[in-house]
Every structure is written in structure tokens, then in C-alpha cells.
C-alpha atoms as a PDB file:
ATOM      1  CA  MET A   1      50.398 139.453  -2.886  1.00  0.00           C
ATOM      2  CA  ASN A   2      53.473 141.033  -4.513  1.00  0.00           C
ATOM      3  CA  TYR A   3      56.159 139.024  -5.282  1.00  0.00           C
ATOM      4  CA  ALA A   4      59.861 139.498  -7.502  1.00  0.00           C
ATOM      5  CA  ILE A   5      61.995 137.401  -9.438  1.00  0.00           C
ATOM      6  CA  VAL A   6      65.458 137.867  -8.493  1.00  0.00           C
ATOM      7  CA  ASN A   7      69.062 136.621  -9.683  1.00  0.00           C
ATOM      8  CA  ILE A   8      71.314 135.377  -6.967  1.00  0.00           C
ATOM      9  CA  GLN A   9      74.251 134.088  -8.246  1.00  0.00           C
ATOM     10  CA  GLY A  10      72.703 132.912 -11.646  1.00  0.00           C
ATOM     11  CA  LYS A  11      69.839 131.072 -10.215  1.00  0.00           C
ATOM     12  CA  GLN A  12      66.498 132.795 -10.580  1.00  0.00           C
ATOM     13  CA  LEU A  13      64.374 132.460  -7.741  1.00  0.00           C
ATOM     14  CA  LYS A  14      60.729 133.974  -6.918  1.00  0.00           C
ATOM     15  CA  LEU A  15      60.754 135.889  -3.786  1.00  0.00           C
ATOM     16  CA  THR A  16      57.763 136.565  -1.773  1.00  0.00           C
ATOM     17  CA  GLU A  17      57.670 138.826   1.622  1.00  0.00           C
ATOM     18  CA  ASN A  18      57.822 137.084   5.198  1.00  0.00           C
ATOM     19  CA  LYS A  19      59.024 133.737   3.221  1.00  0.00           C
ATOM     20  CA  TYR A  20      61.889 131.678   3.944  1.00  0.00           C
ATOM     21  CA  VAL A  21      63.799 130.357   0.879  1.00  0.00           C
ATOM     22  CA  TYR A  22      67.392 128.443   0.430  1.00  0.00           C
ATOM     23  CA  VAL A  23      69.849 129.924  -2.089  1.00  0.00           C
ATOM     24  CA  PRO A  24      73.273 129.205  -3.073  1.00  0.00           C
ATOM     25  CA  HIS A  25      75.702 130.199  -0.452  1.00  0.00           C
ATOM     26  CA  ILE A  26      76.342 133.873   0.258  1.00  0.00           C
ATOM     27  CA  SER A  27      79.338 134.642   2.135  1.00  0.00           C
ATOM     28  CA  ILE A  28      77.652 137.159   4.745  1.00  0.00           C
ATOM     29  CA  ASN A  29      77.697 137.034   8.342  1.00  0.00           C
ATOM     30  CA  LEU A  30      74.388 135.806  10.129  1.00  0.00           C
ATOM     31  CA  LYS A  31      71.464 137.997  11.032  1.00  0.00           C
ATOM     32  CA  GLU A  32      72.664 140.665   8.889  1.00  0.00           C
ATOM     33  CA  LYS A  33      70.223 142.392   6.217  1.00  0.00           C
ATOM     34  CA  ILE A  34      71.311 142.993   2.602  1.00  0.00           C
ATOM     35  CA  PHE A  35      69.680 144.389  -0.510  1.00  0.00           C
ATOM     36  CA  LEU A  36      69.465 142.332  -3.508  1.00  0.00           C
ATOM     37  CA  ASN A  37      69.232 144.577  -6.653  1.00  0.00           C
ATOM     38  CA  GLU A  38      69.348 142.459  -9.447  1.00  0.00           C
ATOM     39  CA  VAL A  39      65.392 142.283  -9.629  1.00  0.00           C
ATOM     40  CA  LEU A  40      64.380 140.832 -13.234  1.00  0.00           C
ATOM     41  CA  PHE A  41      60.106 140.823 -12.664  1.00  0.00           C
ATOM     42  CA  PHE A  42      57.962 142.731  -9.991  1.00  0.00           C
ATOM     43  CA  TYR A  43      54.522 141.962  -9.633  1.00  0.00           C
ATOM     44  CA  GLU A  44      52.239 144.135  -7.273  1.00  0.00           C
ATOM     45  CA  ASP A  45      48.169 144.154  -7.351  1.00  0.00           C
ATOM     46  CA  GLY A  46      47.933 143.683 -11.002  1.00  0.00           C
ATOM     47  CA  SER A  47      50.686 145.584 -12.338  1.00  0.00           C
ATOM     48  CA  ILE A  48      53.601 144.234 -13.860  1.00  0.00           C
ATOM     49  CA  LYS A  49      57.245 145.728 -14.141  1.00  0.00           C
ATOM     50  CA  ILE A  50      59.853 143.789 -16.497  1.00  0.00           C
ATOM     51  CA  GLY A  51      63.478 144.627 -16.294  1.00  0.00           C
ATOM     52  CA  ASP A  52      65.936 145.103 -19.233  1.00  0.00           C
ATOM     53  CA  PRO A  53      67.679 143.145 -17.907  1.00  0.00           C
ATOM     54  CA  PHE A  54      67.292 144.482 -14.353  1.00  0.00           C
ATOM     55  CA  LEU A  55      64.943 146.703 -12.455  1.00  0.00           C
ATOM     56  CA  LYS A  56      66.805 149.819 -10.966  1.00  0.00           C
ATOM     57  CA  ASP A  57      63.869 151.268  -8.942  1.00  0.00           C
ATOM     58  CA  VAL A  58      63.189 147.886  -7.006  1.00  0.00           C
ATOM     59  CA  ASN A  59      65.091 146.623  -4.151  1.00  0.00           C
ATOM     60  CA  VAL A  60      64.452 143.353  -1.838  1.00  0.00           C
ATOM     61  CA  GLN A  61      65.787 143.577   1.287  1.00  0.00           C
ATOM     62  CA  VAL A  62      66.604 139.917   2.904  1.00  0.00           C
ATOM     63  CA  LYS A  63      68.011 138.675   6.443  1.00  0.00           C
ATOM     64  CA  ILE A  64      70.585 136.022   6.555  1.00  0.00           C
ATOM     65  CA  LEU A  65      69.407 133.492   8.946  1.00  0.00           C
ATOM     66  CA  GLU A  66      71.587 130.415   8.750  1.00  0.00           C
ATOM     67  CA  HIS A  67      74.159 128.469   6.395  1.00  0.00           C
ATOM     68  CA  ILE A  68      73.719 124.971   6.079  1.00  0.00           C
ATOM     69  CA  LYS A  69      74.745 121.961   3.572  1.00  0.00           C
ATOM     70  CA  GLY A  70      71.981 120.752   1.442  1.00  0.00           C
ATOM     71  CA  LYS A  71      71.129 117.121   0.745  1.00  0.00           C
ATOM     72  CA  LYS A  72      73.698 115.060  -1.239  1.00  0.00           C
ATOM     73  CA  ILE A  73      73.877 115.121  -4.866  1.00  0.00           C
ATOM     74  CA  ILE A  74      74.974 111.994  -6.503  1.00  0.00           C
ATOM     75  CA  ILE A  75      76.996 112.197  -9.849  1.00  0.00           C
ATOM     76  CA  PHE A  76      77.335 108.606 -11.382  1.00  0.00           C
ATOM     77  CA  LYS A  77      79.398 108.300 -14.496  1.00  0.00           C
ATOM     78  CA  LYS A  78      79.251 105.229 -16.783  1.00  0.00           C
ATOM     79  CA  LYS A  79      80.544 104.010 -20.316  1.00  0.00           C
ATOM     80  CA  ARG A  80      79.077 100.667 -21.426  1.00  0.00           C
ATOM     81  CA  ARG A  81      80.863  97.635 -22.410  1.00  0.00           C
ATOM     82  CA  LYS A  82      84.101  99.370 -21.034  1.00  0.00           C
ATOM     83  CA  GLY A  83      84.075  98.455 -17.120  1.00  0.00           C
ATOM     84  CA  TYR A  84      83.986 102.350 -16.380  1.00  0.00           C
ATOM     85  CA  LYS A  85      82.217 103.239 -13.411  1.00  0.00           C
ATOM     86  CA  VAL A  86      82.803 106.472 -11.124  1.00  0.00           C
ATOM     87  CA  LYS A  87      80.477 107.456  -8.477  1.00  0.00           C
ATOM     88  CA  ASN A  88      80.949 110.663  -6.775  1.00  0.00           C
ATOM     89  CA  GLY A  89      78.716 112.892  -4.531  1.00  0.00           C
ATOM     90  CA  PHE A  90      78.598 116.247  -2.629  1.00  0.00           C
ATOM     91  CA  ARG A  91      76.517 118.459  -0.519  1.00  0.00           C
ATOM     92  CA  PRO A  92      75.992 122.145  -1.810  1.00  0.00           C
ATOM     93  CA  PHE A  93      76.419 124.860   0.643  1.00  0.00           C
ATOM     94  CA  LEU A  94      73.284 126.741   1.147  1.00  0.00           C
ATOM     95  CA  THR A  95      71.731 129.669   2.960  1.00  0.00           C
ATOM     96  CA  LYS A  96      68.490 130.236   4.324  1.00  0.00           C
ATOM     97  CA  ILE A  97      67.158 133.932   3.936  1.00  0.00           C
ATOM     98  CA  GLN A  98      64.134 135.796   4.995  1.00  0.00           C
ATOM     99  CA  VAL A  99      62.501 137.995   2.571  1.00  0.00           C
ATOM    100  CA  ILE A 100      61.550 141.160   4.817  1.00  0.00           C
ATOM    101  CA  SER A 101      60.619 143.883   2.282  1.00  0.00           C
ATOM    102  CA  ILE A 102      60.095 144.499  -1.335  1.00  0.00           C
ATOM    103  CA  LYS A 103      60.453 147.958  -2.005  1.00  0.00           C
ATOM    104  CA  ILE A 104      60.058 150.525  -5.105  1.00  0.00           C
ATOM    105  CA  LYS A 105      62.179 153.718  -4.634  1.00  0.00           C
ATOM    106  CA  ASN A 106      60.375 156.787  -4.669  1.00  0.00           C
ATOM    107  CA  GLY A 107      59.667 158.825  -8.068  1.00  0.00           C
ATOM    108  CA  SER A 108      58.176 155.522  -9.555  1.00  0.00           C
END
């Protein structure tokens, strides 16, 4: 089983082929295929490649499946003995992607 650790908008995610994952919102149309080239780590059949900071010869191809809103996150602030309480919340925008392939460029 090969996998890659990829940086997507400041989040580091472990991606495996043919798996679905929710990532921070990517503003690209549905059903479009893109390449992620900020690969930090790559593992394949016992061999390991570590980027410095990124691997230039590894690309991860993903397909955009849907754009959704995540579960509500509650932010609660309070200062004791002062009567100060604030409750806020928001639902983050997420993108569901499917990893199609993890490719190594020729020559390595």
C-alpha cells in the first residue's frame, strides 16, 4: 500500500489511492481533476522518500467530488467573575476529493 502526505492549504493530509477525504475548500469546479504537487512524504513498498520541503518528482492526482459545509464548530469565550460570555459558531466549507493516483515522474 503506497501513500503520500500532502500539504493542502496549510493542512497536512495522508492520502491513499482510491480513498475519499474531506479537505479545506478548494475553489475548482466539480468533476475536475487536479494535481497536488506539494508532497512532503511518499511511501511505496518499503521505500521512503522525504521532501526538503517538497518532493519534486511525485504528483498526486485528485478529482473534486463535491463542495459541502462541515459540522458546526462552537467557539465559547468566558471571563470568570466578570459576567462576560460570548458564544459563536460557524460551519467550515469543505471539499470532498477522491485520490485517483500517486505518480512518480520518470527518471527517478
